[in-house]
Amino acid sequence: MKQKQIEEYEINPCTMFIKPFVYGSKVYSQIFELDDEFISPFKPIEIVRKSCEYFGSSFDGRREGTRQLIGITHKVPIVVDPTNFIYLFPTTSPNRPECIWISHEHVMHHERTSVGDTLVTFQNKHSYPLPVSYSSFKNQLLRTALLRTKLMQRIEQMERKSYYVVHRPRPLEASEQHRRYGQFME
């Protein structure tokens, strides 16, 4: 795959992971999609922030939403776009330049390769060694799964409530002629 340079990028359903790429004294992003790779002049955290805004929220709002739903405050998984199942998790603190953002949806398998590395296989059957410990990777994967589950439960609960409002039973009315108590109306 040949890497293309791009100026603008929004995280989308094909995004597998975004990792920092040092070029001279600047940190760029290397973006891996199912069938493509790109280089962006923005840091991974900047792409995640812009993508959250593209889908109608701020990064801080998404982070606070995760805290409210599952109580996690450090290395927080982010819901970029729940309607397209775009959930990302960081390999380290998002403020650190070496942080890689991984799409939960595309992780197929992971295995320990050495003390500080994990070999991750994605949906496109490509595997990449990532500089994150196996236990940390597994923990981030589980946290993101919990976030997805909690958010989907809330969405489904709201859908059930909406269905009930639209399809609630109608009050029954008598089919006989109207009568006043004790007398017939003609």
Protein backbone atom coordinates (compact mmCIF):
# COMPACT_ATOMS: atom_id res chain seq x y z
CA MET A 1 0.00 0.00 0.00
CA LYS A 2 1.29 3.41 -0.88
CA GLN A 3 0.79 6.16 1.67
CA LYS A 4 -0.87 9.32 0.44
CA GLN A 5 -0.41 12.71 2.00
CA ILE A 6 -3.67 14.42 2.94
CA GLU A 7 -4.48 17.75 4.55
CA GLU A 8 -7.93 17.02 6.03
CA TYR A 9 -9.10 13.77 7.57
CA GLU A 10 -12.19 12.69 9.47
CA ILE A 11 -12.20 9.39 11.28
CA ASN A 12 -14.68 7.12 9.51
CA PRO A 13 -15.94 3.52 9.65
CA CYS A 14 -12.86 2.36 7.68
CA THR A 15 -10.32 3.87 10.11
CA MET A 16 -8.43 1.10 11.95
CA PHE A 17 -5.84 3.12 13.87
CA ILE A 18 -3.90 6.37 13.90
CA LYS A 19 -0.34 6.48 15.13
CA PRO A 20 2.16 9.29 15.50
CA PHE A 21 4.81 9.66 12.85
CA VAL A 22 7.84 11.85 13.57
CA TYR A 23 9.01 13.88 10.61
CA GLY A 24 11.92 16.15 11.45
CA SER A 25 10.93 18.03 14.57
CA LYS A 26 7.18 17.68 13.97
CA VAL A 27 4.71 14.94 14.90
CA TYR A 28 2.42 13.86 12.05
CA SER A 29 -0.13 11.06 11.86
CA GLN A 30 0.06 7.80 10.01
CA ILE A 31 -3.52 6.70 9.38
CA PHE A 32 -4.36 3.08 8.65
CA GLU A 33 -7.70 2.27 7.01
CA LEU A 34 -8.99 -1.13 5.89
CA ASP A 35 -7.64 -0.68 2.35
CA ASP A 36 -5.51 2.45 2.49
CA GLU A 37 -2.85 4.39 4.40
CA PHE A 38 -2.36 8.14 4.74
CA ILE A 39 0.04 10.65 6.24
CA SER A 40 -1.49 13.77 7.80
CA PRO A 41 0.40 16.84 9.05
CA PHE A 42 -1.75 16.82 12.20
CA LYS A 43 -1.06 14.93 15.45
CA PRO A 44 -3.34 11.96 16.18
CA ILE A 45 -5.07 13.81 19.06
CA GLU A 46 -5.83 16.72 16.71
CA ILE A 47 -7.49 14.34 14.24
CA VAL A 48 -9.53 12.74 17.04
CA ARG A 49 -10.59 16.19 18.30
CA LYS A 50 -11.59 17.41 14.82
CA SER A 51 -13.49 14.18 14.15
CA CYS A 52 -15.48 14.52 17.38
CA GLU A 53 -16.42 18.05 16.28
CA TYR A 54 -17.29 16.81 12.78
CA PHE A 55 -19.80 14.41 14.37
CA GLY A 56 -21.32 17.13 16.56
CA SER A 57 -19.49 17.08 19.88
CA SER A 58 -16.25 18.20 21.43
CA PHE A 59 -13.51 15.81 22.51
CA ASP A 60 -13.95 17.04 26.10
CA GLY A 61 -17.70 16.43 25.86
CA ARG A 62 -17.12 12.89 24.61
CA ARG A 63 -14.57 12.29 27.37
CA GLU A 64 -17.01 13.57 30.01
CA GLY A 65 -19.74 11.35 28.51
CA THR A 66 -17.50 8.31 28.95
CA ARG A 67 -16.82 9.30 32.55
CA GLN A 68 -20.56 9.62 33.21
CA LEU A 69 -21.38 6.27 31.58
CA ILE A 70 -18.63 4.03 32.92
CA GLY A 71 -16.66 6.07 35.46
CA ILE A 72 -13.30 5.99 33.66
CA THR A 73 -11.16 9.11 33.94
CA HIS A 74 -7.73 8.08 32.55
CA LYS A 75 -6.90 6.80 29.06
CA VAL A 76 -10.58 7.30 28.29
CA PRO A 77 -12.15 5.54 25.29
CA ILE A 78 -13.99 7.98 23.03
CA VAL A 79 -17.25 7.64 21.11
CA VAL A 80 -16.46 9.54 17.92
CA ASP A 81 -19.78 8.58 16.28
CA PRO A 82 -22.11 6.01 17.89
CA THR A 83 -24.38 5.73 14.83
CA ASN A 84 -21.46 4.37 12.76
CA PHE A 85 -19.95 2.39 15.69
CA ILE A 86 -16.80 4.52 15.76
CA TYR A 87 -15.26 3.97 19.20
CA LEU A 88 -11.57 4.69 19.70
CA PHE A 89 -9.25 3.98 22.58
CA PRO A 90 -5.79 5.41 23.30
CA THR A 91 -2.75 3.24 24.02
CA THR A 92 -1.43 5.76 26.54
CA SER A 93 -2.41 9.19 27.83
CA PRO A 94 -3.76 11.18 24.85
CA ASN A 95 -1.46 14.06 25.89
CA ARG A 96 1.65 11.98 25.25
CA PRO A 97 3.12 12.29 21.74
CA GLU A 98 3.46 8.48 21.34
CA CYS A 99 -0.26 7.82 21.87
CA ILE A 100 -1.89 5.59 19.22
CA TRP A 101 -5.67 5.66 18.72
CA ILE A 102 -7.26 2.32 17.85
CA SER A 103 -10.74 1.63 16.49
CA HIS A 104 -12.46 -0.95 18.68
CA GLU A 105 -14.60 -2.14 15.77
CA HIS A 106 -11.64 -3.38 13.73
CA VAL A 107 -9.63 -5.32 16.33
CA MET A 108 -9.95 -9.02 15.54
CA HIS A 109 -7.18 -10.54 17.65
CA HIS A 110 -4.28 -9.50 19.85
CA GLU A 111 -1.35 -11.39 21.32
CA ARG A 112 1.69 -10.71 23.45
CA THR A 113 4.91 -10.46 21.44
CA SER A 114 7.35 -9.11 24.02
CA VAL A 115 7.21 -7.35 27.37
CA GLY A 116 6.11 -4.00 25.95
CA ASP A 117 4.54 -4.92 22.61
CA THR A 118 1.28 -6.41 21.39
CA LEU A 119 0.64 -7.83 17.95
CA VAL A 120 -2.80 -6.66 16.84
CA THR A 121 -4.68 -8.25 13.95
CA PHE A 122 -7.38 -6.11 12.37
CA GLN A 123 -10.46 -6.99 10.29
CA ASN A 124 -8.51 -6.73 7.04
CA LYS A 125 -6.32 -9.60 8.33
CA HIS A 126 -3.22 -7.37 8.59
CA SER A 127 -1.23 -7.51 11.81
CA TYR A 128 0.80 -4.69 13.32
CA PRO A 129 3.10 -4.75 16.35
CA LEU A 130 2.11 -1.87 18.62
CA PRO A 131 4.25 -0.49 21.46
CA VAL A 132 1.73 -1.17 24.25
CA SER A 133 1.81 -3.94 26.83
CA TYR A 134 -0.57 -6.84 26.34
CA SER A 135 -2.33 -6.22 29.66
CA SER A 136 -2.80 -2.51 28.95
CA PHE A 137 -4.12 -3.25 25.45
CA LYS A 138 -6.53 -5.86 26.79
CA ASN A 139 -7.73 -3.47 29.52
CA GLN A 140 -8.38 -0.69 26.97
CA LEU A 141 -10.24 -3.13 24.70
CA LEU A 142 -12.48 -4.20 27.61
CA ARG A 143 -13.12 -0.61 28.74
CA THR A 144 -14.21 0.30 25.22
CA ALA A 145 -16.47 -2.75 25.03
CA LEU A 146 -18.09 -1.65 28.31
CA LEU A 147 -18.61 1.86 26.93
CA ARG A 148 -20.21 0.46 23.76
CA THR A 149 -22.50 -1.82 25.77
CA LYS A 150 -23.63 0.92 28.17
CA LEU A 151 -24.28 3.39 25.37
CA MET A 152 -26.18 0.84 23.26
CA GLN A 153 -28.30 -0.10 26.30
CA ARG A 154 -29.25 3.56 26.74
CA ILE A 155 -30.05 3.98 23.05
CA GLU A 156 -32.18 0.82 23.01
CA GLN A 157 -33.99 1.91 26.19
CA MET A 158 -34.87 5.23 24.55
CA GLU A 159 -36.06 3.44 21.41
CA ARG A 160 -38.36 1.22 23.52
CA LYS A 161 -39.76 4.30 25.27
CA SER A 162 -40.31 6.03 21.92
CA TYR A 163 -42.03 2.96 20.53
CA TYR A 164 -44.37 2.86 23.53
CA VAL A 165 -45.30 6.53 23.11
CA VAL A 166 -46.15 6.02 19.43
CA HIS A 167 -47.86 2.64 19.85
CA ARG A 168 -49.46 2.96 23.28
CA PRO A 169 -52.85 1.30 23.72
CA ARG A 170 -55.89 3.48 23.06
CA PRO A 171 -58.52 3.81 25.78
CA LEU A 172 -61.48 1.49 25.20
CA GLU A 173 -64.85 3.08 24.48
CA ALA A 174 -68.21 1.42 24.90
CA SER A 175 -69.96 0.53 21.68
CA GLU A 176 -73.51 0.89 23.07
CA GLN A 177 -75.64 3.98 22.84
CA HIS A 178 -74.85 6.67 25.40
CA ARG A 179 -77.04 6.46 28.52
CA ARG A 180 -77.38 8.42 31.65
CA TYR A 181 -77.51 6.41 34.77
CA GLY A 182 -80.98 5.06 35.19
CA GLN A 183 -82.43 6.35 31.91
CA PHE A 184 -82.06 5.60 28.24
CA MET A 185 -81.18 8.28 25.72
CA GLU A 186 -82.91 8.14 22.38
